[in-house]
Structures are given as structure tokens and as C-alpha cells.
Protein backbone atom coordinates (compact mmCIF):
# COMPACT_ATOMS: atom_id res chain seq x y z
CA MET A 1 89.83 99.85 82.00
CA ASP A 2 89.74 97.32 84.77
CA TYR A 3 93.38 97.71 85.74
CA ILE A 4 96.39 100.01 85.68
CA ASP A 5 99.38 98.87 83.60
CA LEU A 6 102.11 100.56 85.63
CA LEU A 7 101.94 102.38 88.95
CA LEU A 8 104.94 104.37 90.23
CA ILE A 9 105.97 106.06 93.44
CA HIS A 10 106.83 109.44 91.92
CA ALA A 11 109.64 110.37 94.31
CA PRO A 12 111.10 108.86 97.45
CA ASP A 13 110.07 110.22 100.82
CA GLU A 14 112.82 111.22 103.23
CA ASP A 15 111.43 108.63 105.65
CA GLU A 16 112.31 105.16 104.34
CA GLU A 17 109.44 103.67 106.37
CA VAL A 18 107.00 105.74 104.30
CA ASN A 19 108.56 104.36 101.11
CA VAL A 20 108.37 100.77 102.40
CA ASN A 21 104.74 101.16 103.53
CA THR A 22 103.78 102.80 100.24
CA TRP A 23 105.46 99.94 98.40
CA LYS A 24 103.53 97.36 100.44
CA GLY A 25 100.31 99.15 99.48
CA MET A 26 101.29 98.99 95.83
CA GLU A 27 102.07 95.27 96.17
CA ALA A 28 98.57 94.81 97.57
CA ALA A 29 97.18 96.57 94.49
CA VAL A 30 99.07 94.08 92.28
CA HIS A 31 97.75 91.13 94.31
CA SER A 32 94.21 92.48 93.92
CA GLY A 33 94.56 92.42 90.13
CA LYS A 34 93.95 96.16 89.81
CA VAL A 35 97.59 96.90 88.91
CA LYS A 36 99.82 94.86 86.57
CA SER A 37 103.26 96.31 87.35
CA ILE A 38 104.80 98.62 89.95
CA GLY A 39 107.89 100.74 90.01
CA VAL A 40 109.51 103.88 91.31
CA SER A 41 110.69 107.22 90.01
CA ASN A 42 113.74 109.21 91.05
CA PHE A 43 114.91 106.53 93.52
CA LYS A 44 118.65 106.28 94.18
CA PRO A 45 120.27 103.10 95.57
CA GLU A 46 119.87 104.32 99.16
CA ASN A 47 116.11 104.74 98.52
CA LEU A 48 115.74 101.45 96.69
CA SER A 49 117.59 99.24 99.17
CA PRO A 50 115.03 99.42 102.03
CA VAL A 51 112.18 98.83 99.57
CA LEU A 52 113.92 95.81 98.05
CA ASN A 53 114.71 94.39 101.51
CA SER A 54 111.01 94.26 102.35
CA ALA A 55 109.51 93.70 98.91
CA THR A 56 107.75 90.59 97.73
CA ILE A 57 107.52 92.19 94.27
CA LYS A 58 110.55 93.96 92.82
CA PRO A 59 110.11 97.31 91.07
CA VAL A 60 110.10 96.73 87.32
CA ILE A 61 111.00 100.33 86.50
CA ASN A 62 112.96 103.19 88.00
CA GLN A 63 112.06 106.32 86.04
CA VAL A 64 115.00 108.73 86.26
CA GLU A 65 116.43 111.63 84.32
CA TYR A 66 118.84 110.10 81.82
CA ALA A 67 120.46 111.85 78.88
CA PRO A 68 123.91 112.19 77.34
CA SER A 69 126.16 113.82 79.95
CA ASP A 70 123.38 113.54 82.53
CA VAL A 71 123.49 110.02 83.98
CA ASP A 72 123.60 108.91 87.60
CA TRP A 73 125.82 105.89 86.96
CA ASP A 74 125.52 104.59 90.54
CA THR A 75 121.75 104.37 90.15
CA LYS A 76 122.02 102.86 86.66
CA ASP A 77 124.50 100.21 87.86
CA TYR A 78 122.44 99.40 90.97
CA CYS A 79 119.27 99.01 88.93
CA GLU A 80 121.00 96.77 86.40
CA LYS A 81 122.35 94.60 89.23
CA GLU A 82 118.81 94.32 90.63
CA SER A 83 117.19 93.76 87.19
CA ILE A 84 115.23 97.02 87.43
CA ILE A 85 114.77 98.71 84.06
CA ILE A 86 115.68 102.38 83.74
CA MET A 87 112.95 104.45 82.12
CA ALA A 88 114.76 107.55 80.89
CA TYR A 89 112.86 110.81 81.16
CA SER A 90 114.21 113.99 79.56
CA PRO A 91 116.44 111.90 77.27
CA LEU A 92 116.73 114.86 74.88
CA LYS A 93 117.75 117.42 77.51
CA LYS A 94 114.73 119.53 76.52
CA GLY A 95 116.01 119.66 72.93
CA LYS A 96 119.46 120.88 73.91
CA ILE A 97 121.58 118.06 72.49
CA ASN A 98 124.57 119.92 71.10
CA ASP A 99 127.68 118.03 72.17
CA SER A 100 130.32 117.64 69.44
CA VAL A 101 130.52 113.87 70.03
CA ILE A 102 126.85 113.53 69.12
CA THR A 103 126.89 116.08 66.31
CA ASN A 104 129.81 114.16 64.75
CA LEU A 105 127.52 111.11 64.53
CA VAL A 106 124.75 113.08 62.81
CA ASP A 107 126.44 112.90 59.38
CA LYS A 108 127.52 109.29 59.78
CA TYR A 109 123.99 108.06 60.46
CA ASN A 110 122.05 110.81 58.66
CA LYS A 111 120.04 111.39 61.84
CA SER A 112 119.34 114.37 64.07
CA PRO A 113 121.20 114.90 67.36
CA GLN A 114 117.96 114.00 69.16
CA GLN A 115 117.72 110.72 67.27
CA ILE A 116 121.35 109.92 68.12
CA ALA A 117 120.58 110.60 71.81
CA LEU A 118 117.49 108.38 71.74
CA ARG A 119 119.38 105.58 70.02
CA TRP A 120 122.15 105.88 72.62
CA ALA A 121 119.57 105.55 75.42
CA ILE A 122 118.12 102.44 73.76
CA ASP A 123 121.58 100.98 73.18
CA CYS A 124 122.22 101.54 76.91
CA HIS A 125 119.25 99.24 77.63
CA THR A 126 116.95 101.97 78.90
CA ILE A 127 113.46 102.94 77.82
CA PRO A 128 113.61 106.58 76.73
CA ILE A 129 110.37 108.53 77.01
CA PRO A 130 110.79 111.79 75.10
CA ARG A 131 108.05 114.35 75.37
CA SER A 132 106.74 116.32 72.42
CA GLY A 133 103.54 117.92 71.24
CA ASN A 134 105.00 118.47 67.77
CA LYS A 135 103.84 115.87 65.22
CA GLU A 136 107.11 116.02 63.23
CA HIS A 137 109.22 115.60 66.39
CA ILE A 138 107.12 112.60 67.41
CA LYS A 139 107.71 111.02 63.98
CA ASP A 140 111.45 111.72 64.29
CA ASN A 141 111.50 110.22 67.80
CA ILE A 142 110.11 106.96 66.43
CA ALA A 143 112.59 106.81 63.53
CA VAL A 144 115.46 105.42 65.61
CA PHE A 145 115.07 101.71 65.01
CA ASP A 146 116.83 101.53 61.64
CA PHE A 147 120.34 101.96 63.05
CA SER A 148 122.44 101.17 66.12
CA LEU A 149 125.50 102.85 67.53
CA THR A 150 128.70 100.87 67.85
CA ALA A 151 129.86 99.83 71.30
CA GLU A 152 132.69 102.36 71.00
CA GLU A 153 130.26 105.18 70.11
CA VAL A 154 128.03 104.29 73.06
CA GLU A 155 131.05 104.32 75.38
CA THR A 156 132.22 107.67 74.01
CA ILE A 157 128.79 109.18 74.71
CA ASN A 158 128.83 107.54 78.15
CA GLN A 159 132.00 109.47 78.93
CA LEU A 160 130.42 112.89 78.25
CA ASP A 161 130.31 115.16 81.27
């Protein structure tokens, strides 16, 4: 390949100047044509703000842990306000989706708890990236585009703690 599709800063440095300088280097990579898009991972609003204040290119993605009952709503809200897409890692809580709210939806939609969780993440306007080496799980992870949760169901899952 002649270019990289998406380049991320994996985690913020404690020194915001390091984050800003790293971001400027990534912007240079975009301007060179070697990188198409840039983003961050595990950045909270206090990490994002200095980067955005100096950026000529906004992060397209903030990759954060995001699963039912495991959402940093301040970061989600900040990213939405700044038009930064949340890429949800560990959306299946390492296979441990067992909340009664979700299991109650299993029968209604004839889907697994993991599929309900993935659909919720999609309906929350995030990009879930589940990990699996199991061929059947991968097929199940893809089979979430034939249904949607209602706004009320999404909100109920949002309230899980």
C-alpha cells in the first residue's frame, strides 16, 4: 500500500504538549498523502481540548472502551459536540453481556446478548469493533443489521450502571 487509512495516537501522554506535537506530526503525514485519516484512542475531553485548539485537522475517531454499563458519557458527549466519531472497543465486555435488560431483548429480537449489545452500540452512533477469532462469533457479529432497537430500548440500556 502507498498510504495508511487511519493512524491513531494510542493513548494520551500526561504532557499535553507531547500530544499536540504528536498531532502536528500526524497532520504532516496527512498533508504528505501517506495517511488518509487521523484520530486518537482513549482521549478524554481534557486530552482532546488542547489538540483541537491547535489542530488544522480534527480527529475523525476517538477509540474508547464502550459497552453497555461501561460508557464515559462526558467523552461521548464531547466527541459528538466536536463531530468526532466514537469507535467502540470491547463492546461485548469480553463476552460477559448478562444484564437482565439485554437478556429481556434476546427473545423479542431472536438475537444473542452480544448481538443486542452490538446493535445498541450502532444505534448510539458508534462504530463497534468486536474482537473474535471464532468463525461463528464473527458471523454472529455481522448479523446485526436486520433489526434496530427502539429509542426507548436504547435509552434503557444507556441507563445501565
